[in-house]
C-alpha cells in the first residue's frame, strides 16, 4: 500500500506504516485568504478600470501581478504543505519536506527519549499542536508544529517507543 510520506520500498523488513499525515490544514488558512483577496482585488481593478489609450496594458499588468501574487502567497504555501509529510512506522518517525528539493529526517524509535506536546487554546479547538520529540542524537529536542490529532499521534508514538524499548512490535 503506497503511503503519502514513505513508499513501501523504503520500509525495512517487518516494518509497517502506522500513521501518515500532512501538517494541520490551519497552515492553509492564510494562503486561502490571500487567494480570495488577490482574486477579488484584481477582478475589481480590471472591471472598474477606466478606459484610456493603454488600458489593455494596464489590465495585462494587473493580471501578471495577480498571477505572481497568487503564486507567492497561495500556490507555493500549498505546495509546501502538500509536500510535507510525517510518517510513523513501527521502527521510526519519518519527516519529509521539500518542493523542488527533498529533505528527509528519520528518528529511530529506539533513540527517542521522550515525547510531549504543546497546544495553544486555538490549537486545542482545532485538534492540533506542537509535537516535541527528544532523541539521543546531536539535535536533541525537535519540535514539529501543526501536527493534526496531536493527542492521538503523541499516544501512538509513545506506545511505539515503549514497544521499541521492549523489543516488541505493536505490543506483540
Protein backbone atom coordinates (compact mmCIF):
# COMPACT_ATOMS: atom_id res chain seq x y z
CA UNK A 1 0.00 0.00 0.00
CA UNK A 2 1.62 3.33 -1.01
CA UNK A 3 1.72 5.99 1.67
CA UNK A 4 1.80 9.73 1.32
CA UNK A 5 5.16 10.11 3.05
CA UNK A 6 7.11 6.89 2.83
CA UNK A 7 6.86 4.49 -0.13
CA UNK A 8 6.64 0.77 0.62
CA UNK A 9 10.03 0.10 -0.98
CA UNK A 10 11.64 2.36 1.67
CA UNK A 11 10.35 0.22 4.53
CA UNK A 12 12.67 -2.31 6.15
CA UNK A 13 11.81 -5.97 6.69
CA UNK A 14 8.96 -6.27 9.18
CA UNK A 15 8.35 -2.51 9.25
CA UNK A 16 4.87 -1.19 8.57
CA UNK A 17 3.29 2.25 8.40
CA UNK A 18 1.17 3.04 11.46
CA UNK A 19 0.16 6.63 10.69
CA UNK A 20 0.93 9.01 7.83
CA UNK A 21 -0.24 12.63 7.62
CA UNK A 22 0.40 16.20 6.44
CA UNK A 23 0.62 19.22 8.74
CA UNK A 24 -2.72 20.50 10.01
CA UNK A 25 -4.97 22.30 7.49
CA UNK A 26 -4.71 25.53 9.52
CA UNK A 27 -1.48 26.22 7.59
CA UNK A 28 -3.68 26.74 4.52
CA UNK A 29 -5.97 29.40 6.02
CA UNK A 30 -3.73 32.40 5.22
CA UNK A 31 -2.90 31.17 1.68
CA UNK A 32 -6.64 30.63 1.05
CA UNK A 33 -7.50 34.12 2.31
CA UNK A 34 -4.71 35.52 0.11
CA UNK A 35 -6.18 33.65 -2.86
CA UNK A 36 -9.63 35.14 -2.28
CA UNK A 37 -8.24 38.64 -1.66
CA UNK A 38 -5.96 38.68 -4.71
CA UNK A 39 -8.73 37.41 -6.99
CA UNK A 40 -11.22 39.94 -5.59
CA UNK A 41 -8.83 42.90 -5.81
CA UNK A 42 -7.54 42.06 -9.28
CA UNK A 43 -11.05 41.40 -10.62
CA UNK A 44 -12.28 44.72 -9.21
CA UNK A 45 -9.23 46.54 -10.59
CA UNK A 46 -9.79 45.14 -14.08
CA UNK A 47 -13.58 45.64 -14.01
CA UNK A 48 -13.55 49.21 -12.67
CA UNK A 49 -10.52 50.37 -14.65
CA UNK A 50 -11.46 53.41 -16.74
CA UNK A 51 -10.94 53.29 -20.47
CA UNK A 52 -7.86 55.08 -21.75
CA UNK A 53 -5.32 54.70 -24.53
CA UNK A 54 -3.26 51.95 -22.88
CA UNK A 55 -5.93 50.34 -20.71
CA UNK A 56 -5.16 46.92 -22.27
CA UNK A 57 -1.59 47.22 -21.00
CA UNK A 58 -2.80 48.17 -17.52
CA UNK A 59 -5.15 45.17 -17.48
CA UNK A 60 -2.33 42.83 -18.54
CA UNK A 61 -0.13 44.33 -15.82
CA UNK A 62 -2.83 43.72 -13.19
CA UNK A 63 -3.21 40.13 -14.42
CA UNK A 64 0.55 39.46 -14.33
CA UNK A 65 0.92 40.98 -10.85
CA UNK A 66 -2.05 38.88 -9.70
CA UNK A 67 -0.55 35.66 -11.04
CA UNK A 68 2.76 36.42 -9.30
CA UNK A 69 0.95 37.26 -6.04
CA UNK A 70 -1.15 34.08 -6.26
CA UNK A 71 1.98 32.01 -6.87
CA UNK A 72 3.89 33.51 -3.94
CA UNK A 73 1.03 33.82 -1.44
CA UNK A 74 -1.11 30.78 -2.24
CA UNK A 75 0.38 28.21 -4.58
CA UNK A 76 3.86 27.89 -3.02
CA UNK A 77 2.50 27.64 0.58
CA UNK A 78 0.06 24.97 -0.63
CA UNK A 79 2.89 23.03 -2.29
CA UNK A 80 4.96 23.27 0.92
CA UNK A 81 2.02 21.89 2.90
CA UNK A 82 1.32 19.14 0.36
CA UNK A 83 4.97 18.04 0.15
CA UNK A 84 5.47 17.96 3.92
CA UNK A 85 4.57 14.61 5.38
CA UNK A 86 5.03 12.82 8.66
CA UNK A 87 5.09 9.04 8.70
CA UNK A 88 5.09 6.97 11.86
CA UNK A 89 6.14 3.36 11.34
CA UNK A 90 6.78 0.50 13.71
CA UNK A 91 10.52 1.37 13.58
CA UNK A 92 10.86 5.12 13.00
CA UNK A 93 9.35 8.57 12.72
CA UNK A 94 9.96 9.95 9.21
CA UNK A 95 9.65 13.62 8.30
CA UNK A 96 9.76 14.51 4.61
CA UNK A 97 9.78 18.10 3.31
CA UNK A 98 10.58 19.91 0.11
CA UNK A 99 9.02 21.23 -3.08
CA UNK A 100 11.86 21.17 -5.60
CA UNK A 101 14.49 19.53 -3.44
CA UNK A 102 13.63 16.95 -0.82
CA UNK A 103 14.78 16.62 2.78
CA UNK A 104 14.04 13.61 4.95
CA UNK A 105 14.66 13.01 8.63
CA UNK A 106 14.32 9.61 10.24
CA UNK A 107 14.22 9.25 14.00
CA UNK A 108 14.61 5.60 15.04
CA UNK A 109 12.05 4.88 17.75
CA UNK A 110 14.72 3.14 19.81
CA UNK A 111 16.57 6.50 20.06
CA UNK A 112 13.56 8.51 21.29
CA UNK A 113 13.90 9.51 24.95
CA UNK A 114 10.65 11.41 25.45
CA UNK A 115 7.53 12.54 23.62
CA UNK A 116 5.42 15.53 24.65
CA UNK A 117 3.04 18.04 23.13
CA UNK A 118 2.02 21.67 23.50
CA UNK A 119 -1.24 23.29 22.42
CA UNK A 120 -2.48 26.85 22.48
CA UNK A 121 -6.18 27.45 23.09
CA UNK A 122 -6.84 27.80 19.35
CA UNK A 123 -4.86 24.62 18.65
CA UNK A 124 -6.91 22.75 21.26
CA UNK A 125 -10.09 23.84 19.49
CA UNK A 126 -8.66 22.74 16.12
CA UNK A 127 -7.19 19.49 17.47
CA UNK A 128 -3.60 20.21 16.50
CA UNK A 129 -0.42 21.22 18.30
CA UNK A 130 3.34 21.01 18.54
CA UNK A 131 4.91 17.59 18.99
CA UNK A 132 8.18 17.57 20.93
CA UNK A 133 10.42 14.58 20.35
CA UNK A 134 13.62 14.29 22.37
CA UNK A 135 16.06 11.83 20.90
CA UNK A 136 19.52 10.59 21.72
CA UNK A 137 21.08 12.46 18.82
CA UNK A 138 23.04 15.63 18.26
CA UNK A 139 19.79 17.53 17.54
CA UNK A 140 18.30 16.73 20.96
CA UNK A 141 14.73 18.00 21.22
CA UNK A 142 12.94 18.56 17.92
CA UNK A 143 9.65 20.46 17.66
CA UNK A 144 7.15 19.63 14.92
CA UNK A 145 4.44 22.28 14.62
CA UNK A 146 0.87 21.93 13.38
CA UNK A 147 0.52 18.19 13.94
CA UNK A 148 -3.13 17.18 13.39
CA UNK A 149 -4.82 14.98 16.01
CA UNK A 150 -1.85 15.73 18.28
CA UNK A 151 -3.01 13.64 21.24
CA UNK A 152 -3.59 10.57 19.08
CA UNK A 153 -0.21 10.95 17.36
CA UNK A 154 1.57 11.54 20.69
CA UNK A 155 -0.07 8.49 22.28
CA UNK A 156 0.68 6.28 19.26
CA UNK A 157 4.30 7.50 19.09
CA UNK A 158 4.76 6.91 22.81
CA UNK A 159 3.30 3.40 22.53
CA UNK A 160 5.62 2.57 19.63
CA UNK A 161 8.63 3.97 21.53
CA UNK A 162 7.74 1.77 24.50
CA UNK A 163 7.36 -1.25 22.18
CA UNK A 164 10.76 -0.49 20.61
CA UNK A 165 12.34 -0.29 24.07
CA UNK A 166 10.77 -3.67 24.97
CA UNK A 167 11.79 -5.19 21.64
CA UNK A 168 8.18 -5.80 20.61
CA UNK A 169 6.20 -4.62 17.59
CA UNK A 170 2.60 -3.43 18.08
CA UNK A 171 2.55 -4.84 21.60
CA UNK A 172 3.36 -8.42 20.42
